[in-house]
Every structure is written in C-alpha cells, then in structure tokens.
Amino acid sequence: MNIHDVLIEQDNRGQETVAQPEAEDAKEAVRTLLRWAGDDPDREGLCETPERVIRGYMEWFSGYGEDPVEILEQVIEDVGGYQGPVILKDIGFQSYCEHDLAPIVGMVHVGYLPDFHVVGISKIARVVDVYARRLQIQERMTSEIATALMRGLLPKGVIVVVEAEHFCMSTRGVHKPGVKTVTKSLHGVYVSDQELRQEFMLAIGRPSFGE
C-alpha cells in the first residue's frame, strides 16, 4: 500500500479509523524528513532512526486501538457503604499536539461521585493513557476522559482537570517555556454543587476553582 492511499473506515464503535500504510512506507517517510532537514539518513548515526521512530509511534499512539469504556467494565460493587467522592490527582501523561506533533506533558486530576459501584483506580489511569496516546488538543482530551468515565461508570458526577505544558509553545514559535494550560470538564452533580467542586480542588492542592 502506498503511504498516500489513505482509506477511511468505520470501526465497531462507529468511529472513523484510518487504514495504516506498511511499515516500510512509514520508514521511507522518516528518511524523507531526515533528508529534508539536511542530513543523510544512511549515515551511521541515522541509519536505524526510521525503525526507532515507527516503534516509538506504535507506543506513543497506541490509544487508537483501545476502547476506554471497555476498560471500565470490571466494576466493584462491594464498597462497604462508602458514599463519598473518589479522587485521583497527579496522573502523569504525555501526548502529542495534532497541529505540530510536539509533546504535551502534564497531569490529569480526576474525581467522581459513585452511584452504584466503583472501579479499580488503575483503570482510570488507563483511560487517561488511551486518550493521551492519540494526536490531541488538550481541550478535547479533557472532555473525552470525562465523557468516558460518565459512560463507563454511570456515577452521580465526574470532574476532570488537566494541567499541561505544550512544547509547540515552549520550544518553537513564541518560545515561552513553563507556561501551563489548564482545562476542566464537569458532569452531573459537579456542575451544580459548588461545595463538591471545592472539595475536589482542595484535594488536588488547588485552593480555588476560579469562581
């Protein structure tokens, strides 16, 4: 298959999927970029770079092959009468900007108020990784994580806050390192209950929700 022969299909969840080119086509694309940068892809230091790049892409963008709602299917119903919120803070992630292919590096904070059941905390971290390991913009990733948790857990409410540095801003263009972008997505009781929102912000070490 030629790298230009892109086919759009539908997967079993109704989402668009793209037929992948062959590995050798991807390697040749990397070689082309190396030549465009002004270097020789056949020299000793670069001859294995295309192979490393496509292996990296397989890991960095592995989220396209996973369904986050399926990850949340194995729930825990015996919670011993627990009725409070569940909060995970500082879930580290690395994604890539769909506009520049530059890294987005930061933390995700998640809270939800269970209704019928809870889920193992590692599953929530995996949901974050599924969406982070796709070409992204931070705003969409924040919304996708929150929506998946609402669909998969059916809780009373969900809140997701993402703080990240965008290397497309810190290493090129305006060159402003250290700037953090903060995004948030709220569902259910977190939309209307200010006290619950404030409890979440204090738990993640942020004294105010910006209200």
N, C-alpha and C. Protein backbone atom coordinates (compact mmCIF):
# COMPACT_ATOMS: atom_id res chain seq x y z
N MET A 1 0.84 -1.20 0.00
CA MET A 1 0.00 0.00 0.00
C MET A 1 0.87 1.24 0.00
N ASN A 2 0.56 2.20 -0.83
CA ASN A 2 1.29 3.46 -0.87
C ASN A 2 0.86 4.34 0.29
N ILE A 3 1.80 5.10 0.86
CA ILE A 3 1.51 5.93 2.03
C ILE A 3 0.44 6.97 1.74
N HIS A 4 0.23 7.31 0.47
CA HIS A 4 -0.78 8.31 0.12
C HIS A 4 -2.17 7.70 -0.01
N ASP A 5 -2.26 6.37 -0.05
CA ASP A 5 -3.55 5.72 -0.23
C ASP A 5 -4.24 5.55 1.12
N VAL A 6 -4.79 6.62 1.64
CA VAL A 6 -5.43 6.61 2.95
C VAL A 6 -6.89 6.21 2.81
N LEU A 7 -7.30 5.21 3.55
CA LEU A 7 -8.67 4.73 3.49
C LEU A 7 -9.36 5.03 4.81
N ILE A 8 -10.54 5.63 4.77
CA ILE A 8 -11.32 5.91 5.96
C ILE A 8 -12.38 4.83 6.11
N GLU A 9 -12.42 4.19 7.28
CA GLU A 9 -13.38 3.14 7.54
C GLU A 9 -14.09 3.43 8.86
N GLN A 10 -15.05 2.58 9.22
CA GLN A 10 -15.74 2.70 10.50
C GLN A 10 -15.38 1.48 11.34
N ASP A 11 -15.00 1.72 12.61
CA ASP A 11 -14.75 0.59 13.49
C ASP A 11 -16.06 0.18 14.14
N ASN A 12 -15.98 -0.82 15.06
CA ASN A 12 -17.21 -1.36 15.62
C ASN A 12 -17.89 -0.43 16.61
N ARG A 13 -17.30 0.73 16.89
CA ARG A 13 -17.93 1.71 17.76
C ARG A 13 -18.41 2.91 16.96
N GLY A 14 -18.38 2.79 15.62
CA GLY A 14 -18.87 3.86 14.78
C GLY A 14 -17.89 5.00 14.61
N GLN A 15 -16.65 4.83 15.07
CA GLN A 15 -15.66 5.87 14.94
C GLN A 15 -14.85 5.66 13.67
N GLU A 16 -14.38 6.75 13.10
CA GLU A 16 -13.57 6.65 11.89
C GLU A 16 -12.20 6.06 12.21
N THR A 17 -11.76 5.15 11.40
CA THR A 17 -10.42 4.60 11.53
C THR A 17 -9.72 4.77 10.19
N VAL A 18 -8.41 4.83 10.24
CA VAL A 18 -7.61 5.03 9.04
C VAL A 18 -6.78 3.79 8.79
N ALA A 19 -6.86 3.24 7.59
CA ALA A 19 -6.05 2.08 7.23
C ALA A 19 -4.58 2.48 7.23
N GLN A 20 -3.76 1.75 7.98
CA GLN A 20 -2.36 2.10 8.12
C GLN A 20 -1.54 1.69 6.90
N PRO A 21 -0.57 2.51 6.52
CA PRO A 21 0.36 2.08 5.47
C PRO A 21 1.30 1.01 6.00
N GLU A 22 2.04 0.41 5.11
CA GLU A 22 3.02 -0.59 5.51
C GLU A 22 4.15 0.07 6.28
N ALA A 23 4.82 -0.73 7.13
CA ALA A 23 5.92 -0.21 7.94
C ALA A 23 7.02 0.40 7.08
N GLU A 24 7.31 -0.21 5.95
CA GLU A 24 8.39 0.30 5.10
C GLU A 24 8.03 1.66 4.51
N ASP A 25 6.75 1.89 4.23
CA ASP A 25 6.33 3.21 3.76
C ASP A 25 6.55 4.26 4.84
N ALA A 26 6.24 3.89 6.10
CA ALA A 26 6.45 4.82 7.21
C ALA A 26 7.93 5.12 7.40
N LYS A 27 8.77 4.10 7.27
CA LYS A 27 10.22 4.32 7.41
C LYS A 27 10.73 5.25 6.31
N GLU A 28 10.23 5.07 5.10
CA GLU A 28 10.68 5.91 4.00
C GLU A 28 10.25 7.37 4.22
N ALA A 29 9.09 7.56 4.84
CA ALA A 29 8.65 8.91 5.16
C ALA A 29 9.61 9.57 6.15
N VAL A 30 10.09 8.80 7.13
CA VAL A 30 11.07 9.34 8.08
C VAL A 30 12.37 9.67 7.38
N ARG A 31 12.81 8.80 6.47
CA ARG A 31 14.04 9.07 5.72
C ARG A 31 13.90 10.37 4.92
N THR A 32 12.72 10.58 4.34
CA THR A 32 12.48 11.81 3.58
C THR A 32 12.60 13.03 4.47
N LEU A 33 12.04 12.97 5.66
CA LEU A 33 12.13 14.10 6.59
C LEU A 33 13.57 14.35 7.01
N LEU A 34 14.35 13.29 7.20
CA LEU A 34 15.76 13.47 7.57
C LEU A 34 16.53 14.16 6.44
N ARG A 35 16.25 13.76 5.21
CA ARG A 35 16.90 14.42 4.07
C ARG A 35 16.45 15.87 3.98
N TRP A 36 15.16 16.13 4.22
CA TRP A 36 14.63 17.49 4.16
C TRP A 36 15.29 18.37 5.23
N ALA A 37 15.61 17.77 6.39
CA ALA A 37 16.28 18.52 7.46
C ALA A 37 17.73 18.85 7.10
N GLY A 38 18.27 18.17 6.06
CA GLY A 38 19.61 18.46 5.61
C GLY A 38 20.64 17.42 5.97
N ASP A 39 20.19 16.25 6.39
CA ASP A 39 21.14 15.21 6.81
C ASP A 39 21.00 13.98 5.93
N ASP A 40 21.91 13.04 6.11
CA ASP A 40 21.95 11.82 5.31
C ASP A 40 21.36 10.68 6.13
N PRO A 41 20.19 10.16 5.76
CA PRO A 41 19.57 9.08 6.54
C PRO A 41 20.35 7.78 6.49
N ASP A 42 21.34 7.68 5.61
CA ASP A 42 22.12 6.45 5.52
C ASP A 42 23.40 6.49 6.34
N ARG A 43 23.70 7.64 6.96
CA ARG A 43 24.92 7.67 7.76
C ARG A 43 24.72 6.87 9.05
N GLU A 44 25.84 6.50 9.69
CA GLU A 44 25.80 5.55 10.81
C GLU A 44 24.83 5.98 11.92
N GLY A 45 24.86 7.25 12.29
CA GLY A 45 24.03 7.69 13.41
C GLY A 45 22.54 7.73 13.12
N LEU A 46 22.17 7.72 11.83
CA LEU A 46 20.77 7.85 11.44
C LEU A 46 20.18 6.61 10.77
N CYS A 47 21.01 5.64 10.44
CA CYS A 47 20.53 4.54 9.61
C CYS A 47 19.43 3.72 10.31
N GLU A 48 19.43 3.69 11.63
CA GLU A 48 18.40 2.94 12.35
C GLU A 48 17.30 3.85 12.90
N THR A 49 17.41 5.14 12.64
CA THR A 49 16.42 6.09 13.16
C THR A 49 15.01 5.81 12.66
N PRO A 50 14.79 5.55 11.37
CA PRO A 50 13.40 5.28 10.92
C PRO A 50 12.75 4.12 11.67
N GLU A 51 13.51 3.05 11.92
CA GLU A 51 12.96 1.92 12.66
C GLU A 51 12.59 2.34 14.08
N ARG A 52 13.45 3.11 14.72
CA ARG A 52 13.16 3.56 16.09
C ARG A 52 11.94 4.48 16.12
N VAL A 53 11.82 5.32 15.11
CA VAL A 53 10.69 6.26 15.07
C VAL A 53 9.37 5.51 14.96
N ILE A 54 9.28 4.52 14.09
CA ILE A 54 8.00 3.83 13.95
C ILE A 54 7.69 2.98 15.19
N ARG A 55 8.74 2.45 15.86
CA ARG A 55 8.48 1.76 17.13
C ARG A 55 7.96 2.75 18.17
N GLY A 56 8.52 3.94 18.16
CA GLY A 56 8.03 4.98 19.06
C GLY A 56 6.60 5.35 18.77
N TYR A 57 6.26 5.48 17.48
CA TYR A 57 4.88 5.81 17.11
C TYR A 57 3.91 4.73 17.58
N MET A 58 4.31 3.46 17.50
CA MET A 58 3.45 2.38 17.95
C MET A 58 3.12 2.52 19.42
N GLU A 59 4.07 3.00 20.22
CA GLU A 59 3.83 3.19 21.65
C GLU A 59 3.10 4.50 21.92
N TRP A 60 3.58 5.59 21.32
CA TRP A 60 3.00 6.91 21.60
C TRP A 60 1.55 7.02 21.17
N PHE A 61 1.17 6.29 20.12
CA PHE A 61 -0.18 6.42 19.58
C PHE A 61 -0.97 5.12 19.69
N SER A 62 -0.65 4.34 20.71
CA SER A 62 -1.34 3.06 20.90
C SER A 62 -2.78 3.24 21.34
N GLY A 63 -3.18 4.44 21.74
CA GLY A 63 -4.54 4.66 22.21
C GLY A 63 -5.60 4.50 21.15
N TYR A 64 -5.21 4.57 19.88
CA TYR A 64 -6.21 4.39 18.81
C TYR A 64 -6.78 2.99 18.79
N GLY A 65 -6.07 2.04 19.33
CA GLY A 65 -6.52 0.65 19.28
C GLY A 65 -7.28 0.20 20.51
N GLU A 66 -7.62 1.09 21.43
CA GLU A 66 -8.29 0.70 22.66
C GLU A 66 -9.61 1.44 22.85
N ASP A 67 -10.56 0.76 23.48
CA ASP A 67 -11.84 1.35 23.82
C ASP A 67 -11.84 1.67 25.31
N PRO A 68 -11.84 2.94 25.70
CA PRO A 68 -11.76 3.28 27.12
C PRO A 68 -12.95 2.81 27.93
N VAL A 69 -14.14 2.73 27.34
CA VAL A 69 -15.32 2.29 28.09
C VAL A 69 -15.19 0.81 28.46
N GLU A 70 -14.58 0.01 27.57
CA GLU A 70 -14.37 -1.40 27.89
C GLU A 70 -13.44 -1.56 29.09
N ILE A 71 -12.48 -0.66 29.24
CA ILE A 71 -11.56 -0.73 30.37
C ILE A 71 -12.31 -0.60 31.70
N LEU A 72 -13.43 0.12 31.68
CA LEU A 72 -14.18 0.41 32.91
C LEU A 72 -15.27 -0.62 33.20
N GLU A 73 -15.34 -1.69 32.41
CA GLU A 73 -16.44 -2.65 32.57
C GLU A 73 -16.33 -3.48 33.84
N GLN A 74 -15.13 -3.73 34.34
CA GLN A 74 -14.96 -4.57 35.53
C GLN A 74 -15.07 -3.70 36.78
N VAL A 75 -16.28 -3.57 37.31
CA VAL A 75 -16.54 -2.66 38.43
C VAL A 75 -16.53 -3.42 39.75
N ILE A 76 -16.50 -2.66 40.85
CA ILE A 76 -16.50 -3.20 42.20
C ILE A 76 -17.76 -2.69 42.90
N GLU A 77 -18.64 -3.61 43.28
CA GLU A 77 -19.90 -3.21 43.88
C GLU A 77 -19.86 -3.21 45.41
N ASP A 78 -19.00 -4.02 46.01
CA ASP A 78 -18.92 -4.07 47.47
C ASP A 78 -17.95 -2.99 47.95
N VAL A 79 -18.49 -1.83 48.33
CA VAL A 79 -17.66 -0.70 48.77
C VAL A 79 -17.82 -0.43 50.26
N GLY A 80 -18.47 -1.36 50.98
CA GLY A 80 -18.58 -1.22 52.43
C GLY A 80 -19.34 0.01 52.88
N GLY A 81 -20.30 0.44 52.09
CA GLY A 81 -21.11 1.58 52.46
C GLY A 81 -20.49 2.93 52.14
N TYR A 82 -19.36 2.94 51.45
CA TYR A 82 -18.70 4.22 51.12
C TYR A 82 -19.58 5.05 50.20
N GLN A 83 -19.74 6.34 50.53
CA GLN A 83 -20.63 7.20 49.76
C GLN A 83 -19.96 8.49 49.29
N GLY A 84 -18.69 8.69 49.58
CA GLY A 84 -18.01 9.93 49.22
C GLY A 84 -17.42 9.88 47.83
N PRO A 85 -16.80 10.99 47.42
CA PRO A 85 -16.15 11.04 46.11
C PRO A 85 -14.87 10.22 46.08
N VAL A 86 -14.48 9.83 44.90
CA VAL A 86 -13.19 9.17 44.65
C VAL A 86 -12.35 10.14 43.82
N ILE A 87 -11.15 10.45 44.32
CA ILE A 87 -10.32 11.47 43.67
C ILE A 87 -8.93 10.90 43.40
N LEU A 88 -8.47 11.04 42.17
CA LEU A 88 -7.09 10.70 41.80
C LEU A 88 -6.42 11.98 41.33
N LYS A 89 -5.27 12.30 41.89
CA LYS A 89 -4.58 13.50 41.46
C LYS A 89 -3.21 13.16 40.91
N ASP A 90 -2.71 14.05 40.08
CA ASP A 90 -1.36 13.94 39.53
C ASP A 90 -1.14 12.67 38.71
N ILE A 91 -2.09 12.35 37.85
CA ILE A 91 -1.89 11.25 36.90
C ILE A 91 -1.05 11.80 35.74
N GLY A 92 0.20 11.44 35.70
CA GLY A 92 1.09 11.97 34.68
C GLY A 92 0.73 11.45 33.29
N PHE A 93 0.91 12.29 32.29
CA PHE A 93 0.65 11.84 30.91
C PHE A 93 1.58 12.58 29.95
N GLN A 94 1.76 11.98 28.81
CA GLN A 94 2.45 12.62 27.69
C GLN A 94 1.65 12.35 26.43
N SER A 95 1.27 13.42 25.75
CA SER A 95 0.55 13.29 24.49
C SER A 95 1.29 14.08 23.43
N TYR A 96 0.69 14.19 22.24
CA TYR A 96 1.32 14.93 21.15
C TYR A 96 0.29 15.81 20.47
N CYS A 97 0.67 17.06 20.26
CA CYS A 97 -0.20 18.04 19.64
C CYS A 97 -0.49 17.66 18.19
N GLU A 98 -1.75 17.64 17.82
CA GLU A 98 -2.10 17.27 16.46
C GLU A 98 -1.73 18.34 15.44
N HIS A 99 -1.44 19.54 15.89
CA HIS A 99 -1.08 20.62 14.97
C HIS A 99 0.40 20.64 14.64
N ASP A 100 1.26 20.25 15.61
CA ASP A 100 2.71 20.38 15.43
C ASP A 100 3.48 19.09 15.68
N LEU A 101 2.79 18.06 16.18
CA LEU A 101 3.45 16.81 16.60
C LEU A 101 4.46 17.06 17.72
N ALA A 102 4.28 18.12 18.48
CA ALA A 102 5.14 18.42 19.62
C ALA A 102 4.51 17.83 20.88
N PRO A 103 5.34 17.46 21.88
CA PRO A 103 4.78 16.85 23.09
C PRO A 103 3.89 17.80 23.89
N ILE A 104 2.90 17.21 24.53
CA ILE A 104 2.10 17.86 25.57
C ILE A 104 2.32 17.03 26.83
N VAL A 105 2.87 17.65 27.87
CA VAL A 105 3.26 16.92 29.07
C VAL A 105 2.60 17.55 30.29
N GLY A 106 1.96 16.73 31.12
CA GLY A 106 1.31 17.31 32.28
C GLY A 106 0.68 16.29 33.19
N MET A 107 -0.33 16.77 33.94
CA MET A 107 -1.03 15.97 34.93
C MET A 107 -2.53 16.05 34.71
N VAL A 108 -3.19 14.93 34.99
CA VAL A 108 -4.65 14.87 34.97
C VAL A 108 -5.13 14.59 36.39
N HIS A 109 -6.14 15.33 36.81
CA HIS A 109 -6.78 15.11 38.10
C HIS A 109 -8.23 14.70 37.83
N VAL A 110 -8.67 13.61 38.47
CA VAL A 110 -9.99 13.06 38.21
C VAL A 110 -10.74 12.86 39.52
N GLY A 111 -12.00 13.24 39.54
CA GLY A 111 -12.87 12.95 40.66
C GLY A 111 -14.22 12.46 40.15
N TYR A 112 -14.80 11.51 40.87
CA TYR A 112 -16.17 11.10 40.54
C TYR A 112 -16.90 10.72 41.81
N LEU A 113 -18.21 10.92 41.80
CA LEU A 113 -19.06 10.55 42.92
C LEU A 113 -19.83 9.30 42.53
N PRO A 114 -19.47 8.14 43.11
CA PRO A 114 -20.09 6.88 42.70
C PRO A 114 -21.59 6.86 43.00
N ASP A 115 -22.29 6.08 42.20
CA ASP A 115 -23.70 5.84 42.45
C ASP A 115 -23.89 4.39 42.87
N PHE A 116 -23.65 3.46 41.94
CA PHE A 116 -23.86 2.05 42.24
C PHE A 116 -22.57 1.29 42.54
N HIS A 117 -21.45 1.75 42.02
CA HIS A 117 -20.22 0.97 42.12
C HIS A 117 -19.02 1.88 41.87
N VAL A 118 -17.84 1.30 42.12
CA VAL A 118 -16.58 1.99 41.83
C VAL A 118 -15.78 1.12 40.86
N VAL A 119 -14.59 1.60 40.50
CA VAL A 119 -13.73 0.85 39.60
C VAL A 119 -12.31 0.91 40.14
N GLY A 120 -11.50 -0.09 39.83
CA GLY A 120 -10.10 -0.06 40.26
C GLY A 120 -9.40 1.19 39.78
N ILE A 121 -8.61 1.82 40.64
CA ILE A 121 -8.03 3.12 40.30
C ILE A 121 -7.09 3.04 39.11
N SER A 122 -6.46 1.89 38.90
CA SER A 122 -5.57 1.77 37.74
C SER A 122 -6.33 1.88 36.43
N LYS A 123 -7.62 1.52 36.46
CA LYS A 123 -8.43 1.60 35.25
C LYS A 123 -8.61 3.06 34.81
N ILE A 124 -8.73 3.95 35.79
CA ILE A 124 -8.88 5.37 35.46
C ILE A 124 -7.60 5.90 34.83
N ALA A 125 -6.45 5.50 35.38
CA ALA A 125 -5.18 5.90 34.78
C ALA A 125 -5.05 5.37 33.36
N ARG A 126 -5.57 4.16 33.11
CA ARG A 126 -5.51 3.59 31.77
C ARG A 126 -6.40 4.38 30.80
N VAL A 127 -7.55 4.85 31.28
CA VAL A 127 -8.41 5.67 30.42
C VAL A 127 -7.69 6.94 30.02
N VAL A 128 -6.99 7.55 30.97
CA VAL A 128 -6.19 8.74 30.66
C VAL A 128 -5.18 8.42 29.57
N ASP A 129 -4.50 7.29 29.71
CA ASP A 129 -3.48 6.92 28.72
C ASP A 129 -4.08 6.66 27.33
N VAL A 130 -5.26 6.06 27.28
CA VAL A 130 -5.88 5.79 25.99
C VAL A 130 -6.04 7.08 25.20
N TYR A 131 -6.54 8.12 25.85
CA TYR A 131 -6.76 9.38 25.13
C TYR A 131 -5.48 10.17 24.95
N ALA A 132 -4.55 10.06 25.89
CA ALA A 132 -3.28 10.77 25.74
C ALA A 132 -2.46 10.19 24.60
N ARG A 133 -2.59 8.89 24.36
CA ARG A 133 -1.81 8.24 23.31
C ARG A 133 -2.51 8.30 21.96
N ARG A 134 -3.00 9.48 21.67
CA ARG A 134 -3.56 9.82 20.36
C ARG A 134 -3.11 11.24 20.06
N LEU A 135 -3.14 11.62 18.79
CA LEU A 135 -2.89 13.02 18.47
C LEU A 135 -4.02 13.84 19.08
N GLN A 136 -3.66 14.91 19.80
CA GLN A 136 -4.66 15.55 20.64
C GLN A 136 -4.57 17.07 20.63
N ILE A 137 -5.66 17.67 21.10
CA ILE A 137 -5.62 19.00 21.69
C ILE A 137 -6.11 18.82 23.12
N GLN A 138 -5.61 19.62 24.03
CA GLN A 138 -5.88 19.39 25.45
C GLN A 138 -7.36 19.51 25.78
N GLU A 139 -8.04 20.46 25.14
CA GLU A 139 -9.46 20.66 25.43
C GLU A 139 -10.27 19.41 25.11
N ARG A 140 -10.01 18.81 23.95
CA ARG A 140 -10.76 17.61 23.57
C ARG A 140 -10.42 16.43 24.48
N MET A 141 -9.14 16.28 24.80
CA MET A 141 -8.74 15.17 25.67
C MET A 141 -9.43 15.26 27.02
N THR A 142 -9.52 16.47 27.57
CA THR A 142 -10.19 16.66 28.86
C THR A 142 -11.64 16.21 28.79
N SER A 143 -12.32 16.63 27.75
CA SER A 143 -13.73 16.26 27.57
C SER A 143 -13.89 14.77 27.33
N GLU A 144 -13.00 14.17 26.55
CA GLU A 144 -13.11 12.75 26.25
C GLU A 144 -12.95 11.89 27.50
N ILE A 145 -12.00 12.24 28.36
CA ILE A 145 -11.79 11.48 29.59
C ILE A 145 -13.03 11.54 30.46
N ALA A 146 -13.58 12.74 30.64
CA ALA A 146 -14.77 12.90 31.49
C ALA A 146 -15.96 12.15 30.92
N THR A 147 -16.17 12.24 29.61
CA THR A 147 -17.30 11.57 28.98
C THR A 147 -17.19 10.05 29.09
N ALA A 148 -15.98 9.52 28.92
CA ALA A 148 -15.78 8.07 29.04
C ALA A 148 -16.08 7.59 30.46
N LEU A 149 -15.68 8.36 31.46
CA LEU A 149 -15.96 7.98 32.84
C LEU A 149 -17.45 8.03 33.14
N MET A 150 -18.16 9.00 32.59
CA MET A 150 -19.61 9.06 32.77
C MET A 150 -20.29 7.86 32.10
N ARG A 151 -19.85 7.52 30.90
CA ARG A 151 -20.45 6.40 30.18
C ARG A 151 -20.11 5.06 30.82
N GLY A 152 -18.88 4.92 31.28
CA GLY A 152 -18.43 3.63 31.78
C GLY A 152 -18.82 3.35 33.21
N LEU A 153 -18.92 4.38 34.05
CA LEU A 153 -19.18 4.18 35.48
C LEU A 153 -20.60 4.53 35.90
N LEU A 154 -21.29 5.34 35.10
CA LEU A 154 -22.63 5.81 35.45
C LEU A 154 -22.65 6.40 36.86
N PRO A 155 -21.73 7.31 37.17
CA PRO A 155 -21.68 7.90 38.50
C PRO A 155 -22.66 9.05 38.63
N LYS A 156 -22.74 9.64 39.82
CA LYS A 156 -23.57 10.83 40.02
C LYS A 156 -22.92 12.06 39.38
N GLY A 157 -21.63 12.02 39.22
CA GLY A 157 -20.95 13.13 38.59
C GLY A 157 -19.47 12.87 38.40
N VAL A 158 -18.86 13.61 37.49
CA VAL A 158 -17.43 13.48 37.18
C VAL A 158 -16.84 14.86 37.01
N ILE A 159 -15.59 15.01 37.46
CA ILE A 159 -14.82 16.23 37.21
C ILE A 159 -13.42 15.85 36.76
N VAL A 160 -12.94 16.50 35.72
CA VAL A 160 -11.59 16.26 35.21
C VAL A 160 -10.91 17.60 35.01
N VAL A 161 -9.71 17.75 35.58
CA VAL A 161 -8.89 18.94 35.39
C VAL A 161 -7.54 18.49 34.83
N VAL A 162 -7.11 19.15 33.78
CA VAL A 162 -5.83 18.82 33.14
C VAL A 162 -4.94 20.06 33.15
N GLU A 163 -3.69 19.87 33.58
CA GLU A 163 -2.68 20.93 33.57
C GLU A 163 -1.51 20.43 32.75
N ALA A 164 -1.10 21.18 31.73
CA ALA A 164 -0.05 20.66 30.86
C ALA A 164 0.76 21.78 30.22
N GLU A 165 2.01 21.45 29.92
CA GLU A 165 2.88 22.33 29.13
C GLU A 165 2.89 21.83 27.69
N HIS A 166 2.76 22.76 26.75
CA HIS A 166 2.74 22.43 25.33
C HIS A 166 4.08 22.82 24.71
N PHE A 167 4.80 21.82 24.22
CA PHE A 167 6.13 22.08 23.70
C PHE A 167 6.10 22.80 22.35
N CYS A 168 4.93 22.82 21.70
CA CYS A 168 4.81 23.62 20.48
C CYS A 168 4.88 25.10 20.81
N MET A 169 4.65 25.43 22.08
CA MET A 169 4.76 26.82 22.53
C MET A 169 6.08 27.09 23.23
N SER A 170 6.64 26.09 23.91
CA SER A 170 7.84 26.31 24.70
C SER A 170 9.14 26.11 23.92
N THR A 171 9.12 25.30 22.83
CA THR A 171 10.35 25.01 22.11
C THR A 171 10.39 25.60 20.70
N ARG A 172 9.30 26.22 20.26
CA ARG A 172 9.26 26.84 18.95
C ARG A 172 8.28 28.01 19.01
N GLY A 173 8.13 28.71 17.91
CA GLY A 173 7.16 29.80 17.88
C GLY A 173 7.51 30.90 18.86
N VAL A 174 6.66 31.12 19.88
CA VAL A 174 6.88 32.20 20.84
C VAL A 174 7.94 31.86 21.89
N HIS A 175 8.34 30.58 22.00
CA HIS A 175 9.39 30.16 22.94
C HIS A 175 9.10 30.65 24.35
N LYS A 176 8.02 30.17 24.94
CA LYS A 176 7.64 30.52 26.31
C LYS A 176 7.56 29.25 27.16
N PRO A 177 8.72 28.75 27.64
CA PRO A 177 8.71 27.53 28.45
C PRO A 177 8.07 27.76 29.81
N GLY A 178 7.51 26.68 30.36
CA GLY A 178 6.96 26.73 31.70
C GLY A 178 5.51 27.17 31.79
N VAL A 179 4.92 27.60 30.68
CA VAL A 179 3.52 28.03 30.70
C VAL A 179 2.62 26.79 30.77
N LYS A 180 1.68 26.80 31.71
CA LYS A 180 0.75 25.68 31.86
C LYS A 180 -0.63 26.07 31.36
N THR A 181 -1.23 25.19 30.60
CA THR A 181 -2.62 25.35 30.18
C THR A 181 -3.49 24.50 31.09
N VAL A 182 -4.59 25.07 31.59
CA VAL A 182 -5.49 24.37 32.50
C VAL A 182 -6.86 24.26 31.84
N THR A 183 -7.38 23.04 31.76
CA THR A 183 -8.70 22.80 31.20
C THR A 183 -9.50 21.95 32.18
N LYS A 184 -10.82 22.04 32.12
CA LYS A 184 -11.66 21.29 33.04
C LYS A 184 -12.94 20.86 32.35
N SER A 185 -13.50 19.73 32.79
CA SER A 185 -14.76 19.23 32.27
C SER A 185 -15.56 18.68 33.43
N LEU A 186 -16.82 19.10 33.55
CA LEU A 186 -17.69 18.71 34.66
C LEU A 186 -18.96 18.09 34.14
N HIS A 187 -19.43 17.06 34.85
CA HIS A 187 -20.70 16.40 34.52
C HIS A 187 -21.47 16.12 35.81
N GLY A 188 -22.77 16.02 35.67
CA GLY A 188 -23.61 15.63 36.79
C GLY A 188 -23.56 16.59 37.95
N VAL A 189 -23.46 16.05 39.17
CA VAL A 189 -23.55 16.88 40.37
C VAL A 189 -22.41 17.90 40.48
N TYR A 190 -21.30 17.65 39.80
CA TYR A 190 -20.19 18.60 39.87
C TYR A 190 -20.51 19.92 39.16
N VAL A 191 -21.51 19.91 38.30
CA VAL A 191 -21.91 21.15 37.63
C VAL A 191 -22.61 22.08 38.61
N SER A 192 -23.46 21.53 39.47
CA SER A 192 -24.31 22.36 40.34
C SER A 192 -23.83 22.48 41.77
N ASP A 193 -22.99 21.57 42.24
CA ASP A 193 -22.61 21.53 43.66
C ASP A 193 -21.25 22.21 43.86
N GLN A 194 -21.27 23.46 44.27
CA GLN A 194 -20.03 24.21 44.46
C GLN A 194 -19.18 23.62 45.58
N GLU A 195 -19.81 23.15 46.64
CA GLU A 195 -19.07 22.56 47.76
C GLU A 195 -18.31 21.32 47.33
N LEU A 196 -18.93 20.50 46.49
CA LEU A 196 -18.26 19.29 45.99
C LEU A 196 -17.09 19.66 45.10
N ARG A 197 -17.27 20.69 44.27
CA ARG A 197 -16.16 21.15 43.43
C ARG A 197 -15.00 21.65 44.28
N GLN A 198 -15.32 22.42 45.32
CA GLN A 198 -14.27 22.97 46.17
C GLN A 198 -13.53 21.87 46.92
N GLU A 199 -14.25 20.83 47.34
CA GLU A 199 -13.62 19.69 48.00
C GLU A 199 -12.60 19.03 47.06
N PHE A 200 -12.98 18.90 45.80
CA PHE A 200 -12.08 18.32 44.82
C PHE A 200 -10.83 19.18 44.64
N MET A 201 -11.01 20.50 44.50
CA MET A 201 -9.87 21.39 44.28
C MET A 201 -8.91 21.37 45.46
N LEU A 202 -9.44 21.34 46.67
CA LEU A 202 -8.57 21.27 47.86
C LEU A 202 -7.81 19.94 47.89
N ALA A 203 -8.47 18.86 47.47
CA ALA A 203 -7.84 17.54 47.48
C ALA A 203 -6.67 17.47 46.51
N ILE A 204 -6.76 18.20 45.39
CA ILE A 204 -5.66 18.16 44.41
C ILE A 204 -4.66 19.29 44.63
N GLY A 205 -4.86 20.03 45.74
CA GLY A 205 -3.90 21.08 46.10
C GLY A 205 -4.11 22.39 45.40
N ARG A 206 -5.34 22.64 44.94
CA ARG A 206 -5.67 23.89 44.29
C ARG A 206 -6.77 24.56 45.09
N PRO A 207 -6.49 25.67 45.77
CA PRO A 207 -7.44 26.24 46.73
C PRO A 207 -8.68 26.84 46.10
N SER A 208 -8.66 27.12 44.80
CA SER A 208 -9.81 27.78 44.18
C SER A 208 -10.12 27.15 42.85
N PHE A 209 -11.41 27.18 42.49
CA PHE A 209 -11.84 26.66 41.19
C PHE A 209 -11.96 27.77 40.17
N GLY A 210 -11.56 28.98 40.54
CA GLY A 210 -11.65 30.09 39.61
C GLY A 210 -13.04 30.66 39.51
N GLU A 211 -13.82 30.52 40.58
CA GLU A 211 -15.19 31.02 40.57
C GLU A 211 -15.28 32.37 41.25
